[in-house]
Structure formats: C-alpha cells, structure tokens
Amino acid sequence: MKITKKIILAIEKEAKKYFIGASGCHDWTHVERVRNLALQIGKKEKADLGVIEIAALWHDIARKKEMQSKGKICHAQESAKLAKPILKKYKLDKEQIDNILHCIEAHRFRKSLAPKTIEAKVIYDADKLDSIGAVGIGRDFLFAGYHKTALYTGKEKYYAQRGIDRSYTVDDTGIMEYEFKLKRIKDKILTKTGKKFAQERHDFMVKFFDRFWQEVEGEK
C-alpha cells in the first residue's frame, strides 16, 4: 500500500502526544531532526521513504517512560509495542508494518538487535548522528541535567576504559556519556551516506571535549 502524506500527518499527530512534558534531550525536536536526517540519508541510499518517515516519528515514543523508570524499561521495545496497533489501524501492509517495527526496535545503540533492512539502518544512523556534533553535545548535557548529575566527576575515563556502564547513576555525567558512548558512535554508523555526516560531527565533538578538559585543568 502507498504510504500517503495524509497517513503520515495522522500518525505524526498521534506520535506527538507521547512527547508532552518530555525532556529537551528527547523531545519532539529530536524526532524532527531524526526525520530530516533519515529522509536525506534514505534518498541517497534508495530506501523506502514512507517507512522511514513513520519509523522516525515513532522511534522514541516511549523514551520519556524509560527516563522516568531510570532505564528499567527499554524504550525501543516499548515504542514498537505501542506503535503496532496504531500502524494496523491505518491498514498498512504487513511487510510495511514489520519493517517499521524493526526500524524502531533496532535503533537503540546499547541493544544487541542489529538493523537488517536498509530502512532500519537509515533510522539507526539518523538517530545516532543526532547524538553527536554540536546538537549532540547540547543533548548530552540536557540528559545529565535531567538526572541532576554533576558536571563531571573525574572518574569518567576510568569507567569507560573498563567498559563499566554507569547509566542512570550519580556517575552518569555528560562527560561519562561522551567517554562511554558518544566518542565511539562514528565507527558504528552503517550507511555510506551516514558516515559522511558522522566524520565532521565527530571531529567537532572531539575538539569540544578536549577543550573542556583543558579548561578544567586551567590550561586555557
């Protein structure tokens, strides 16, 4: 079935309800940026743009729920669960629904479910790209602020080098997120188009955090 603009607008309206009161690090502006990036990448990669757009709109609808639970709920799995009856309501083809749900479930960095379709790879890349670069830095500190962590603890590199995940703890600072996750994202991007975006964003981010520690040490 053809995914029309009318269907997308209706699904978008339903998705927005889940972001009322969401933190700035995962609010509706994040969804819009992921959609824009995904559509750009999807065009280059010759993917199904209808599937991509719907998946982008719904990929984080349970994110607020996960943050409130301090990570006890997997937002990717929960988002797919919430999306399924909505997609069926709009009478999309089974193949389209399955692909959209896979895109949603496979977009999370820390989960072992790998994106298999080109559409899922595009959504994964777009979501990851929004977590690095200038916007990614801003979101990083917004997330840490939401959980009322310190600016930094000085233990970030120690934990990251040993693979110790301190998510949703008092050690989960913006710097911890960078050391544990963000600095590695560039090498996890899946599409050729996404890799081009990633390198520039990564380079900008590395310079920022290098400068951060220079200022902490009084070198600048």
N, C-alpha and C. Protein backbone atom coordinates (compact mmCIF):
# COMPACT_ATOMS: atom_id res chain seq x y z
N MET A 1 0.85 -1.20 0.00
CA MET A 1 0.00 0.00 0.00
C MET A 1 0.88 1.25 0.00
N LYS A 2 0.42 2.27 -0.70
CA LYS A 2 1.17 3.52 -0.75
C LYS A 2 0.99 4.30 0.55
N ILE A 3 2.08 4.69 1.15
CA ILE A 3 2.02 5.50 2.37
C ILE A 3 1.88 6.96 1.96
N THR A 4 0.69 7.49 2.11
CA THR A 4 0.40 8.85 1.66
C THR A 4 0.78 9.89 2.71
N LYS A 5 0.83 11.12 2.26
CA LYS A 5 1.11 12.23 3.18
C LYS A 5 0.02 12.35 4.23
N LYS A 6 -1.20 12.04 3.85
CA LYS A 6 -2.33 12.09 4.78
C LYS A 6 -2.11 11.10 5.93
N ILE A 7 -1.66 9.90 5.61
CA ILE A 7 -1.40 8.89 6.64
C ILE A 7 -0.27 9.35 7.55
N ILE A 8 0.78 9.89 6.95
CA ILE A 8 1.93 10.35 7.74
C ILE A 8 1.53 11.47 8.70
N LEU A 9 0.73 12.40 8.22
CA LEU A 9 0.29 13.52 9.07
C LEU A 9 -0.58 13.02 10.23
N ALA A 10 -1.43 12.04 9.96
CA ALA A 10 -2.28 11.48 11.00
C ALA A 10 -1.46 10.75 12.05
N ILE A 11 -0.48 9.97 11.60
CA ILE A 11 0.39 9.24 12.51
C ILE A 11 1.28 10.19 13.30
N GLU A 12 1.72 11.25 12.65
CA GLU A 12 2.53 12.27 13.34
C GLU A 12 1.74 12.92 14.48
N LYS A 13 0.49 13.22 14.21
CA LYS A 13 -0.36 13.83 15.24
C LYS A 13 -0.48 12.92 16.46
N GLU A 14 -0.64 11.62 16.22
CA GLU A 14 -0.74 10.68 17.34
C GLU A 14 0.58 10.55 18.09
N ALA A 15 1.69 10.58 17.36
CA ALA A 15 3.01 10.43 17.99
C ALA A 15 3.32 11.60 18.91
N LYS A 16 2.94 12.79 18.52
CA LYS A 16 3.27 13.99 19.30
C LYS A 16 2.73 13.93 20.74
N LYS A 17 1.65 13.21 20.94
CA LYS A 17 1.05 13.12 22.27
C LYS A 17 2.00 12.52 23.29
N TYR A 18 2.89 11.66 22.83
CA TYR A 18 3.81 10.98 23.74
C TYR A 18 4.98 11.86 24.19
N PHE A 19 5.10 13.05 23.60
CA PHE A 19 6.24 13.92 23.93
C PHE A 19 5.86 15.13 24.77
N ILE A 20 4.62 15.17 25.22
CA ILE A 20 4.19 16.26 26.10
C ILE A 20 4.95 16.15 27.42
N GLY A 21 5.66 17.19 27.79
CA GLY A 21 6.43 17.18 29.03
C GLY A 21 7.74 16.43 28.96
N ALA A 22 8.19 16.08 27.75
CA ALA A 22 9.44 15.33 27.61
C ALA A 22 10.64 16.23 27.86
N SER A 23 11.74 15.63 28.30
CA SER A 23 12.98 16.37 28.49
C SER A 23 13.49 16.89 27.14
N GLY A 24 14.18 18.02 27.18
CA GLY A 24 14.70 18.61 25.95
C GLY A 24 15.66 17.74 25.19
N CYS A 25 16.26 16.75 25.86
CA CYS A 25 17.21 15.87 25.16
C CYS A 25 16.51 14.84 24.29
N HIS A 26 15.24 14.56 24.59
CA HIS A 26 14.47 13.60 23.79
C HIS A 26 13.05 14.11 23.56
N ASP A 27 12.93 15.35 23.16
CA ASP A 27 11.60 15.91 22.91
C ASP A 27 11.25 15.83 21.43
N TRP A 28 10.20 16.53 21.02
CA TRP A 28 9.76 16.43 19.63
C TRP A 28 10.78 17.01 18.65
N THR A 29 11.60 17.96 19.09
CA THR A 29 12.61 18.50 18.17
C THR A 29 13.62 17.42 17.78
N HIS A 30 13.91 16.50 18.70
CA HIS A 30 14.79 15.37 18.37
C HIS A 30 14.15 14.52 17.27
N VAL A 31 12.88 14.25 17.39
CA VAL A 31 12.16 13.46 16.39
C VAL A 31 12.24 14.16 15.03
N GLU A 32 12.03 15.46 15.02
CA GLU A 32 12.07 16.21 13.75
C GLU A 32 13.45 16.15 13.12
N ARG A 33 14.49 16.25 13.93
CA ARG A 33 15.85 16.20 13.38
C ARG A 33 16.16 14.81 12.84
N VAL A 34 15.74 13.77 13.56
CA VAL A 34 15.96 12.41 13.08
C VAL A 34 15.21 12.18 11.78
N ARG A 35 13.99 12.67 11.70
CA ARG A 35 13.23 12.53 10.45
C ARG A 35 13.94 13.21 9.29
N ASN A 36 14.40 14.45 9.51
CA ASN A 36 15.07 15.19 8.44
C ASN A 36 16.34 14.48 7.98
N LEU A 37 17.14 14.02 8.95
CA LEU A 37 18.37 13.30 8.61
C LEU A 37 18.06 11.99 7.90
N ALA A 38 17.08 11.26 8.43
CA ALA A 38 16.74 9.95 7.86
C ALA A 38 16.24 10.08 6.42
N LEU A 39 15.45 11.11 6.15
CA LEU A 39 14.96 11.30 4.79
C LEU A 39 16.09 11.66 3.84
N GLN A 40 17.03 12.47 4.31
CA GLN A 40 18.19 12.82 3.48
C GLN A 40 19.03 11.58 3.17
N ILE A 41 19.32 10.81 4.21
CA ILE A 41 20.13 9.60 4.03
C ILE A 41 19.37 8.58 3.20
N GLY A 42 18.06 8.43 3.49
CA GLY A 42 17.24 7.46 2.79
C GLY A 42 17.16 7.71 1.29
N LYS A 43 17.11 8.96 0.89
CA LYS A 43 17.08 9.29 -0.55
C LYS A 43 18.36 8.81 -1.23
N LYS A 44 19.49 9.08 -0.59
CA LYS A 44 20.78 8.68 -1.15
C LYS A 44 20.93 7.16 -1.19
N GLU A 45 20.37 6.50 -0.18
CA GLU A 45 20.52 5.04 -0.08
C GLU A 45 19.39 4.29 -0.78
N LYS A 46 18.50 5.05 -1.45
CA LYS A 46 17.39 4.45 -2.20
C LYS A 46 16.49 3.55 -1.34
N ALA A 47 16.16 4.06 -0.17
CA ALA A 47 15.31 3.33 0.77
C ALA A 47 13.85 3.75 0.61
N ASP A 48 12.95 3.05 1.29
CA ASP A 48 11.52 3.37 1.27
C ASP A 48 11.29 4.55 2.23
N LEU A 49 11.04 5.72 1.67
CA LEU A 49 10.94 6.94 2.47
C LEU A 49 9.68 6.97 3.33
N GLY A 50 8.61 6.31 2.89
CA GLY A 50 7.40 6.26 3.69
C GLY A 50 7.63 5.48 4.98
N VAL A 51 8.25 4.33 4.85
CA VAL A 51 8.59 3.51 6.02
C VAL A 51 9.53 4.29 6.95
N ILE A 52 10.51 4.93 6.37
CA ILE A 52 11.49 5.70 7.14
C ILE A 52 10.82 6.82 7.92
N GLU A 53 9.94 7.56 7.27
CA GLU A 53 9.34 8.72 7.93
C GLU A 53 8.46 8.28 9.11
N ILE A 54 7.67 7.25 8.93
CA ILE A 54 6.82 6.78 10.02
C ILE A 54 7.68 6.22 11.16
N ALA A 55 8.70 5.46 10.83
CA ALA A 55 9.58 4.91 11.86
C ALA A 55 10.28 6.02 12.64
N ALA A 56 10.69 7.07 11.96
CA ALA A 56 11.34 8.19 12.63
C ALA A 56 10.38 8.88 13.60
N LEU A 57 9.14 9.03 13.19
CA LEU A 57 8.14 9.69 14.03
C LEU A 57 7.84 8.90 15.30
N TRP A 58 7.97 7.58 15.24
CA TRP A 58 7.57 6.74 16.36
C TRP A 58 8.72 6.09 17.12
N HIS A 59 9.95 6.29 16.68
CA HIS A 59 11.06 5.53 17.25
C HIS A 59 11.29 5.80 18.74
N ASP A 60 10.89 6.97 19.23
CA ASP A 60 11.19 7.34 20.62
C ASP A 60 9.94 7.63 21.45
N ILE A 61 8.80 7.11 21.07
CA ILE A 61 7.58 7.48 21.79
C ILE A 61 7.58 6.99 23.25
N ALA A 62 8.40 6.00 23.55
CA ALA A 62 8.47 5.51 24.94
C ALA A 62 9.73 6.00 25.66
N ARG A 63 10.44 6.94 25.08
CA ARG A 63 11.67 7.44 25.67
C ARG A 63 11.41 8.11 27.02
N LYS A 64 10.36 8.92 27.09
CA LYS A 64 10.03 9.58 28.36
C LYS A 64 9.77 8.54 29.45
N LYS A 65 9.11 7.47 29.07
CA LYS A 65 8.80 6.39 30.01
C LYS A 65 10.08 5.73 30.51
N GLU A 66 11.04 5.51 29.61
CA GLU A 66 12.31 4.90 30.02
C GLU A 66 13.08 5.81 30.97
N MET A 67 13.12 7.11 30.66
CA MET A 67 13.84 8.04 31.51
C MET A 67 13.22 8.12 32.90
N GLN A 68 11.91 8.10 32.95
CA GLN A 68 11.22 8.15 34.24
C GLN A 68 11.48 6.87 35.05
N SER A 69 11.71 5.76 34.36
CA SER A 69 11.98 4.48 35.04
C SER A 69 13.46 4.30 35.34
N LYS A 70 14.29 5.29 34.94
CA LYS A 70 15.75 5.22 35.11
C LYS A 70 16.34 3.98 34.44
N GLY A 71 15.86 3.73 33.23
CA GLY A 71 16.43 2.68 32.41
C GLY A 71 15.87 1.30 32.61
N LYS A 72 14.88 1.15 33.45
CA LYS A 72 14.32 -0.18 33.69
C LYS A 72 13.47 -0.66 32.51
N ILE A 73 12.99 0.30 31.72
CA ILE A 73 12.20 -0.02 30.53
C ILE A 73 13.05 0.26 29.29
N CYS A 74 13.06 -0.63 28.33
CA CYS A 74 13.76 -0.40 27.06
C CYS A 74 12.82 0.37 26.14
N HIS A 75 13.16 1.61 25.85
CA HIS A 75 12.24 2.45 25.08
C HIS A 75 12.06 1.95 23.65
N ALA A 76 13.06 1.29 23.08
CA ALA A 76 12.95 0.79 21.71
C ALA A 76 11.89 -0.31 21.64
N GLN A 77 11.96 -1.25 22.54
CA GLN A 77 10.98 -2.34 22.57
C GLN A 77 9.59 -1.83 22.90
N GLU A 78 9.53 -0.93 23.88
CA GLU A 78 8.23 -0.39 24.29
C GLU A 78 7.62 0.49 23.20
N SER A 79 8.45 1.24 22.49
CA SER A 79 7.95 2.09 21.40
C SER A 79 7.34 1.23 20.30
N ALA A 80 8.00 0.13 19.96
CA ALA A 80 7.48 -0.77 18.93
C ALA A 80 6.14 -1.38 19.38
N LYS A 81 6.08 -1.73 20.64
CA LYS A 81 4.85 -2.32 21.19
C LYS A 81 3.69 -1.33 21.09
N LEU A 82 3.96 -0.07 21.40
CA LEU A 82 2.92 0.96 21.33
C LEU A 82 2.54 1.30 19.90
N ALA A 83 3.51 1.21 19.00
CA ALA A 83 3.27 1.58 17.61
C ALA A 83 2.44 0.55 16.84
N LYS A 84 2.57 -0.71 17.19
CA LYS A 84 1.95 -1.78 16.40
C LYS A 84 0.45 -1.61 16.18
N PRO A 85 -0.36 -1.39 17.22
CA PRO A 85 -1.80 -1.24 16.98
C PRO A 85 -2.14 0.02 16.19
N ILE A 86 -1.33 1.06 16.33
CA ILE A 86 -1.56 2.29 15.57
C ILE A 86 -1.35 2.04 14.09
N LEU A 87 -0.27 1.36 13.76
CA LEU A 87 0.04 1.07 12.35
C LEU A 87 -1.03 0.19 11.72
N LYS A 88 -1.53 -0.77 12.48
CA LYS A 88 -2.58 -1.65 11.97
C LYS A 88 -3.86 -0.86 11.70
N LYS A 89 -4.09 0.15 12.52
CA LYS A 89 -5.30 0.98 12.36
C LYS A 89 -5.32 1.67 11.01
N TYR A 90 -4.14 2.02 10.52
CA TYR A 90 -4.06 2.71 9.23
C TYR A 90 -3.94 1.74 8.06
N LYS A 91 -4.08 0.44 8.36
CA LYS A 91 -4.17 -0.61 7.34
C LYS A 91 -2.97 -0.63 6.40
N LEU A 92 -1.79 -0.45 6.98
CA LEU A 92 -0.57 -0.59 6.19
C LEU A 92 -0.36 -2.07 5.89
N ASP A 93 0.42 -2.36 4.85
CA ASP A 93 0.73 -3.75 4.52
C ASP A 93 1.54 -4.39 5.64
N LYS A 94 1.41 -5.70 5.77
CA LYS A 94 2.13 -6.42 6.82
C LYS A 94 3.65 -6.20 6.68
N GLU A 95 4.13 -6.23 5.45
CA GLU A 95 5.57 -6.04 5.22
C GLU A 95 6.01 -4.65 5.67
N GLN A 96 5.18 -3.65 5.43
CA GLN A 96 5.49 -2.29 5.85
C GLN A 96 5.51 -2.18 7.37
N ILE A 97 4.49 -2.76 8.00
CA ILE A 97 4.40 -2.72 9.46
C ILE A 97 5.60 -3.43 10.08
N ASP A 98 5.92 -4.62 9.57
CA ASP A 98 7.05 -5.38 10.11
C ASP A 98 8.35 -4.60 9.98
N ASN A 99 8.52 -3.93 8.86
CA ASN A 99 9.75 -3.15 8.63
C ASN A 99 9.82 -1.95 9.57
N ILE A 100 8.71 -1.24 9.72
CA ILE A 100 8.66 -0.07 10.61
C ILE A 100 8.96 -0.50 12.05
N LEU A 101 8.34 -1.58 12.49
CA LEU A 101 8.56 -2.06 13.86
C LEU A 101 10.02 -2.49 14.05
N HIS A 102 10.59 -3.11 13.02
CA HIS A 102 12.00 -3.49 13.10
C HIS A 102 12.90 -2.25 13.18
N CYS A 103 12.57 -1.23 12.42
CA CYS A 103 13.32 0.04 12.47
C CYS A 103 13.32 0.60 13.89
N ILE A 104 12.17 0.57 14.52
CA ILE A 104 12.02 1.12 15.87
C ILE A 104 12.79 0.27 16.88
N GLU A 105 12.63 -1.04 16.80
CA GLU A 105 13.27 -1.94 17.77
C GLU A 105 14.79 -1.95 17.64
N ALA A 106 15.30 -1.77 16.42
CA ALA A 106 16.73 -1.92 16.16
C ALA A 106 17.51 -0.61 16.20
N HIS A 107 16.87 0.49 16.59
CA HIS A 107 17.57 1.77 16.52
C HIS A 107 18.43 2.06 17.74
N ARG A 108 18.29 1.28 18.81
CA ARG A 108 18.96 1.60 20.06
C ARG A 108 20.42 1.16 20.07
N PHE A 109 21.30 2.04 20.51
CA PHE A 109 22.75 1.82 20.50
C PHE A 109 23.16 0.63 21.35
N ARG A 110 22.60 0.51 22.55
CA ARG A 110 23.09 -0.47 23.51
C ARG A 110 22.45 -1.85 23.39
N LYS A 111 21.47 -1.98 22.53
CA LYS A 111 20.81 -3.28 22.39
C LYS A 111 21.53 -4.12 21.32
N SER A 112 21.39 -5.43 21.42
CA SER A 112 22.10 -6.34 20.53
C SER A 112 21.37 -6.59 19.21
N LEU A 113 20.12 -6.11 19.08
CA LEU A 113 19.35 -6.31 17.86
C LEU A 113 19.91 -5.43 16.74
N ALA A 114 20.47 -6.04 15.73
CA ALA A 114 21.11 -5.29 14.65
C ALA A 114 20.10 -4.93 13.56
N PRO A 115 20.18 -3.72 12.99
CA PRO A 115 19.31 -3.34 11.89
C PRO A 115 19.59 -4.22 10.67
N LYS A 116 18.54 -4.79 10.09
CA LYS A 116 18.72 -5.69 8.95
C LYS A 116 18.31 -5.07 7.63
N THR A 117 17.26 -4.28 7.62
CA THR A 117 16.80 -3.66 6.37
C THR A 117 17.52 -2.33 6.16
N ILE A 118 17.54 -1.86 4.93
CA ILE A 118 18.17 -0.57 4.66
C ILE A 118 17.45 0.55 5.40
N GLU A 119 16.12 0.42 5.54
CA GLU A 119 15.36 1.44 6.27
C GLU A 119 15.76 1.47 7.74
N ALA A 120 15.95 0.30 8.34
CA ALA A 120 16.36 0.23 9.75
C ALA A 120 17.77 0.81 9.92
N LYS A 121 18.64 0.56 8.98
CA LYS A 121 20.00 1.10 9.04
C LYS A 121 19.97 2.63 8.94
N VAL A 122 19.09 3.14 8.12
CA VAL A 122 18.96 4.60 7.96
C VAL A 122 18.46 5.23 9.26
N ILE A 123 17.43 4.65 9.86
CA ILE A 123 16.89 5.17 11.12
C ILE A 123 17.95 5.10 12.21
N TYR A 124 18.65 4.00 12.29
CA TYR A 124 19.73 3.83 13.27
C TYR A 124 20.77 4.95 13.09
N ASP A 125 21.20 5.16 11.88
CA ASP A 125 22.23 6.18 11.62
C ASP A 125 21.74 7.59 11.96
N ALA A 126 20.52 7.90 11.54
CA ALA A 126 19.98 9.24 11.79
C ALA A 126 19.86 9.51 13.29
N ASP A 127 19.40 8.53 14.03
CA ASP A 127 19.28 8.67 15.48
C ASP A 127 20.64 8.85 16.13
N LYS A 128 21.63 8.09 15.68
CA LYS A 128 22.97 8.20 16.25
C LYS A 128 23.62 9.53 15.89
N LEU A 129 23.42 9.98 14.66
CA LEU A 129 24.01 11.25 14.23
C LEU A 129 23.51 12.43 15.05
N ASP A 130 22.26 12.33 15.51
CA ASP A 130 21.71 13.42 16.31
C ASP A 130 22.28 13.44 17.73
N SER A 131 23.05 12.42 18.08
CA SER A 131 23.65 12.37 19.42
C SER A 131 25.10 12.84 19.43
N ILE A 132 25.62 13.21 18.25
CA ILE A 132 26.99 13.72 18.19
C ILE A 132 26.99 15.08 17.50
N GLY A 133 28.16 15.73 17.44
CA GLY A 133 28.21 17.07 16.87
C GLY A 133 27.71 18.11 17.86
N ALA A 134 27.44 19.30 17.37
CA ALA A 134 27.00 20.41 18.23
C ALA A 134 25.69 20.10 18.93
N VAL A 135 24.71 19.61 18.18
CA VAL A 135 23.42 19.26 18.79
C VAL A 135 23.60 18.13 19.80
N GLY A 136 24.42 17.15 19.47
CA GLY A 136 24.65 16.04 20.37
C GLY A 136 25.24 16.47 21.71
N ILE A 137 26.16 17.44 21.68
CA ILE A 137 26.74 17.95 22.91
C ILE A 137 25.67 18.61 23.78
N GLY A 138 24.82 19.41 23.15
CA GLY A 138 23.74 20.06 23.88
C GLY A 138 22.81 19.05 24.51
N ARG A 139 22.44 18.03 23.75
CA ARG A 139 21.54 16.99 24.26
C ARG A 139 22.20 16.20 25.38
N ASP A 140 23.48 15.97 25.25
CA ASP A 140 24.24 15.23 26.25
C ASP A 140 24.12 15.88 27.64
N PHE A 141 24.33 17.18 27.69
CA PHE A 141 24.26 17.87 28.98
C PHE A 141 22.83 18.06 29.46
N LEU A 142 21.89 18.16 28.53
CA LEU A 142 20.48 18.20 28.94
C LEU A 142 20.08 16.90 29.63
N PHE A 143 20.54 15.77 29.10
CA PHE A 143 20.23 14.48 29.70
C PHE A 143 20.82 14.37 31.11
N ALA A 144 22.07 14.80 31.25
CA ALA A 144 22.72 14.75 32.56
C ALA A 144 22.00 15.68 33.54
N GLY A 145 21.57 16.84 33.07
CA GLY A 145 20.86 17.78 33.91
C GLY A 145 19.52 17.23 34.37
N TYR A 146 18.85 16.50 33.49
CA TYR A 146 17.56 15.89 33.84
C TYR A 146 17.71 14.97 35.04
N HIS A 147 18.85 14.26 35.10
CA HIS A 147 19.08 13.32 36.19
C HIS A 147 19.90 13.94 37.33
N LYS A 148 20.12 15.25 37.25
CA LYS A 148 20.75 16.02 38.33
C LYS A 148 22.13 15.49 38.72
N THR A 149 22.93 15.15 37.71
CA THR A 149 24.29 14.71 37.98
C THR A 149 25.22 15.91 38.01
N ALA A 150 26.45 15.67 38.44
CA ALA A 150 27.46 16.73 38.46
C ALA A 150 27.91 17.04 37.03
N LEU A 151 28.60 18.17 36.86
CA LEU A 151 29.14 18.49 35.55
C LEU A 151 30.14 17.41 35.12
N TYR A 152 30.99 17.01 36.05
CA TYR A 152 31.90 15.89 35.82
C TYR A 152 32.34 15.36 37.18
N THR A 153 32.84 14.12 37.21
CA THR A 153 33.31 13.53 38.47
C THR A 153 34.82 13.27 38.45
N GLY A 154 35.39 13.20 37.27
CA GLY A 154 36.80 12.86 37.15
C GLY A 154 37.02 11.36 37.01
N LYS A 155 35.94 10.57 37.14
CA LYS A 155 36.04 9.11 37.04
C LYS A 155 35.62 8.59 35.66
N GLU A 156 35.23 9.51 34.79
CA GLU A 156 34.63 9.11 33.52
C GLU A 156 35.54 8.20 32.68
N LYS A 157 36.79 8.58 32.51
CA LYS A 157 37.69 7.79 31.67
C LYS A 157 37.99 6.44 32.30
N TYR A 158 38.08 6.41 33.61
CA TYR A 158 38.33 5.15 34.33
C TYR A 158 37.22 4.15 34.03
N TYR A 159 35.96 4.58 34.17
CA TYR A 159 34.83 3.68 33.93
C TYR A 159 34.75 3.27 32.46
N ALA A 160 34.92 4.25 31.57
CA ALA A 160 34.79 3.98 30.14
C ALA A 160 35.86 3.01 29.64
N GLN A 161 37.08 3.18 30.08
CA GLN A 161 38.17 2.31 29.65
C GLN A 161 37.98 0.87 30.11
N ARG A 162 37.24 0.68 31.19
CA ARG A 162 36.98 -0.66 31.72
C ARG A 162 35.62 -1.20 31.31
N GLY A 163 34.91 -0.43 30.47
CA GLY A 163 33.61 -0.88 29.99
C GLY A 163 32.54 -0.94 31.05
N ILE A 164 32.69 -0.12 32.10
CA ILE A 164 31.71 -0.11 33.19
C ILE A 164 30.61 0.89 32.87
N ASP A 165 29.41 0.39 32.64
CA ASP A 165 28.28 1.24 32.27
C ASP A 165 27.65 1.85 33.52
N ARG A 166 27.71 3.16 33.63
CA ARG A 166 27.17 3.86 34.80
C ARG A 166 25.87 4.61 34.46
N SER A 167 25.16 4.12 33.46
CA SER A 167 23.91 4.76 33.04
C SER A 167 22.92 4.87 34.20
N TYR A 168 22.26 6.02 34.28
CA TYR A 168 21.22 6.30 35.27
C TYR A 168 21.72 6.19 36.72
N THR A 169 23.01 6.48 36.93
CA THR A 169 23.55 6.55 38.28
C THR A 169 24.09 7.96 38.51
N VAL A 170 24.60 8.23 39.72
CA VAL A 170 25.15 9.56 40.02
C VAL A 170 26.39 9.84 39.19
N ASP A 171 26.99 8.81 38.59
CA ASP A 171 28.19 8.99 37.76
C ASP A 171 27.86 9.25 36.29
N ASP A 172 26.58 9.25 35.96
CA ASP A 172 26.18 9.38 34.55
C ASP A 172 26.18 10.85 34.12
N THR A 173 27.36 11.45 34.12
CA THR A 173 27.52 12.85 33.73
C THR A 173 27.55 12.99 32.21
N GLY A 174 27.50 14.21 31.74
CA GLY A 174 27.63 14.44 30.30
C GLY A 174 28.97 13.93 29.78
N ILE A 175 30.01 14.06 30.58
CA ILE A 175 31.33 13.60 30.18
C ILE A 175 31.36 12.07 30.14
N MET A 176 30.67 11.43 31.07
CA MET A 176 30.59 9.96 31.08
C MET A 176 29.94 9.46 29.80
N GLU A 177 28.88 10.11 29.39
CA GLU A 177 28.18 9.71 28.17
C GLU A 177 29.10 9.83 26.96
N TYR A 178 29.89 10.89 26.93
CA TYR A 178 30.83 11.07 25.82
C TYR A 178 31.89 9.96 25.83
N GLU A 179 32.50 9.72 26.99
CA GLU A 179 33.59 8.75 27.09
C GLU A 179 33.10 7.33 26.82
N PHE A 180 31.90 7.01 27.30
CA PHE A 180 31.40 5.65 27.20
C PHE A 180 30.74 5.37 25.86
N LYS A 181 30.08 6.37 25.30
CA LYS A 181 29.25 6.12 24.12
C LYS A 181 29.54 7.03 22.92
N LEU A 182 29.47 8.35 23.14
CA LEU A 182 29.45 9.26 22.00
C LEU A 182 30.72 9.22 21.15
N LYS A 183 31.88 9.09 21.77
CA LYS A 183 33.13 9.09 21.01
C LYS A 183 33.27 7.84 20.13
N ARG A 184 32.44 6.82 20.35
CA ARG A 184 32.51 5.58 19.58
C ARG A 184 31.45 5.50 18.48
N ILE A 185 30.57 6.44 18.46
CA ILE A 185 29.44 6.35 17.51
C ILE A 185 29.88 6.41 16.06
N LYS A 186 30.86 7.25 15.75
CA LYS A 186 31.31 7.39 14.36
C LYS A 186 31.61 6.04 13.72
N ASP A 187 32.21 5.15 14.47
CA ASP A 187 32.61 3.85 13.93
C ASP A 187 31.48 2.84 13.87
N LYS A 188 30.32 3.21 14.36
CA LYS A 188 29.17 2.30 14.36
C LYS A 188 28.12 2.69 13.32
N ILE A 189 28.35 3.78 12.61
CA ILE A 189 27.42 4.19 11.56
C ILE A 189 27.43 3.17 10.44
N LEU A 190 26.26 2.86 9.88
CA LEU A 190 26.12 1.74 8.97
C LEU A 190 26.09 2.10 7.49
N THR A 191 25.53 3.24 7.13
CA THR A 191 25.38 3.57 5.72
C THR A 191 26.52 4.46 5.21
N LYS A 192 26.77 4.38 3.93
CA LYS A 192 27.83 5.18 3.32
C LYS A 192 27.53 6.67 3.48
N THR A 193 26.28 7.04 3.30
CA THR A 193 25.88 8.46 3.42
C THR A 193 26.02 8.92 4.87
N GLY A 194 25.59 8.08 5.80
CA GLY A 194 25.68 8.43 7.21
C GLY A 194 27.11 8.65 7.66
N LYS A 195 28.05 7.88 7.14
CA LYS A 195 29.46 8.00 7.52
C LYS A 195 30.01 9.37 7.17
N LYS A 196 29.52 9.94 6.07
CA LYS A 196 29.98 11.28 5.66
C LYS A 196 29.54 12.33 6.67
N PHE A 197 28.31 12.22 7.14
CA PHE A 197 27.82 13.13 8.18
C PHE A 197 28.60 12.94 9.47
N ALA A 198 28.87 11.69 9.80
CA ALA A 198 29.44 11.35 11.11
C ALA A 198 30.83 11.91 11.31
N GLN A 199 31.68 11.87 10.31
CA GLN A 199 33.07 12.28 10.49
C GLN A 199 33.18 13.72 10.92
N GLU A 200 32.46 14.62 10.26
CA GLU A 200 32.53 16.04 10.61
C GLU A 200 31.96 16.29 12.00
N ARG A 201 30.86 15.66 12.32
CA ARG A 201 30.25 15.84 13.65
C ARG A 201 31.17 15.30 14.74
N HIS A 202 31.78 14.17 14.47
CA HIS A 202 32.70 13.56 15.43
C HIS A 202 33.89 14.49 15.69
N ASP A 203 34.48 15.00 14.65
CA ASP A 203 35.65 15.87 14.79
C ASP A 203 35.34 17.10 15.63
N PHE A 204 34.18 17.70 15.38
CA PHE A 204 33.75 18.87 16.16
C PHE A 204 33.61 18.52 17.63
N MET A 205 33.00 17.38 17.90
CA MET A 205 32.74 16.95 19.27
C MET A 205 34.04 16.66 20.02
N VAL A 206 34.99 16.00 19.37
CA VAL A 206 36.27 15.68 20.00
C VAL A 206 37.00 16.96 20.40
N LYS A 207 36.99 17.94 19.53
CA LYS A 207 37.64 19.22 19.84
C LYS A 207 36.99 19.88 21.05
N PHE A 208 35.67 19.80 21.13
CA PHE A 208 34.96 20.40 22.26
C PHE A 208 35.38 19.76 23.58
N PHE A 209 35.37 18.44 23.63
CA PHE A 209 35.68 17.77 24.90
C PHE A 209 37.17 17.85 25.25
N ASP A 210 38.03 17.94 24.25
CA ASP A 210 39.45 18.19 24.53
C ASP A 210 39.61 19.56 25.18
N ARG A 211 38.92 20.53 24.64
CA ARG A 211 38.95 21.88 25.19
C ARG A 211 38.36 21.91 26.61
N PHE A 212 37.30 21.15 26.82
CA PHE A 212 36.66 21.07 28.13
C PHE A 212 37.68 20.72 29.20
N TRP A 213 38.45 19.65 28.97
CA TRP A 213 39.41 19.22 29.98
C TRP A 213 40.58 20.20 30.13
N GLN A 214 40.92 20.87 29.05
CA GLN A 214 41.96 21.90 29.14
C GLN A 214 41.52 23.03 30.07
N GLU A 215 40.25 23.38 29.97
CA GLU A 215 39.73 24.45 30.85
C GLU A 215 39.62 23.96 32.29
N VAL A 216 39.24 22.71 32.48
CA VAL A 216 39.17 22.15 33.83
C VAL A 216 40.56 22.20 34.49
N GLU A 217 41.59 21.90 33.72
CA GLU A 217 42.97 21.89 34.26
C GLU A 217 43.58 23.30 34.30
N GLY A 218 42.84 24.30 33.83
CA GLY A 218 43.35 25.67 33.84
C GLY A 218 44.37 25.94 32.75
N GLU A 219 44.36 25.11 31.71
CA GLU A 219 45.33 25.29 30.62
C GLU A 219 44.88 26.31 29.60
N LYS A 220 43.60 26.66 29.64
CA LYS A 220 43.06 27.63 28.68
C LYS A 220 42.29 28.72 29.43
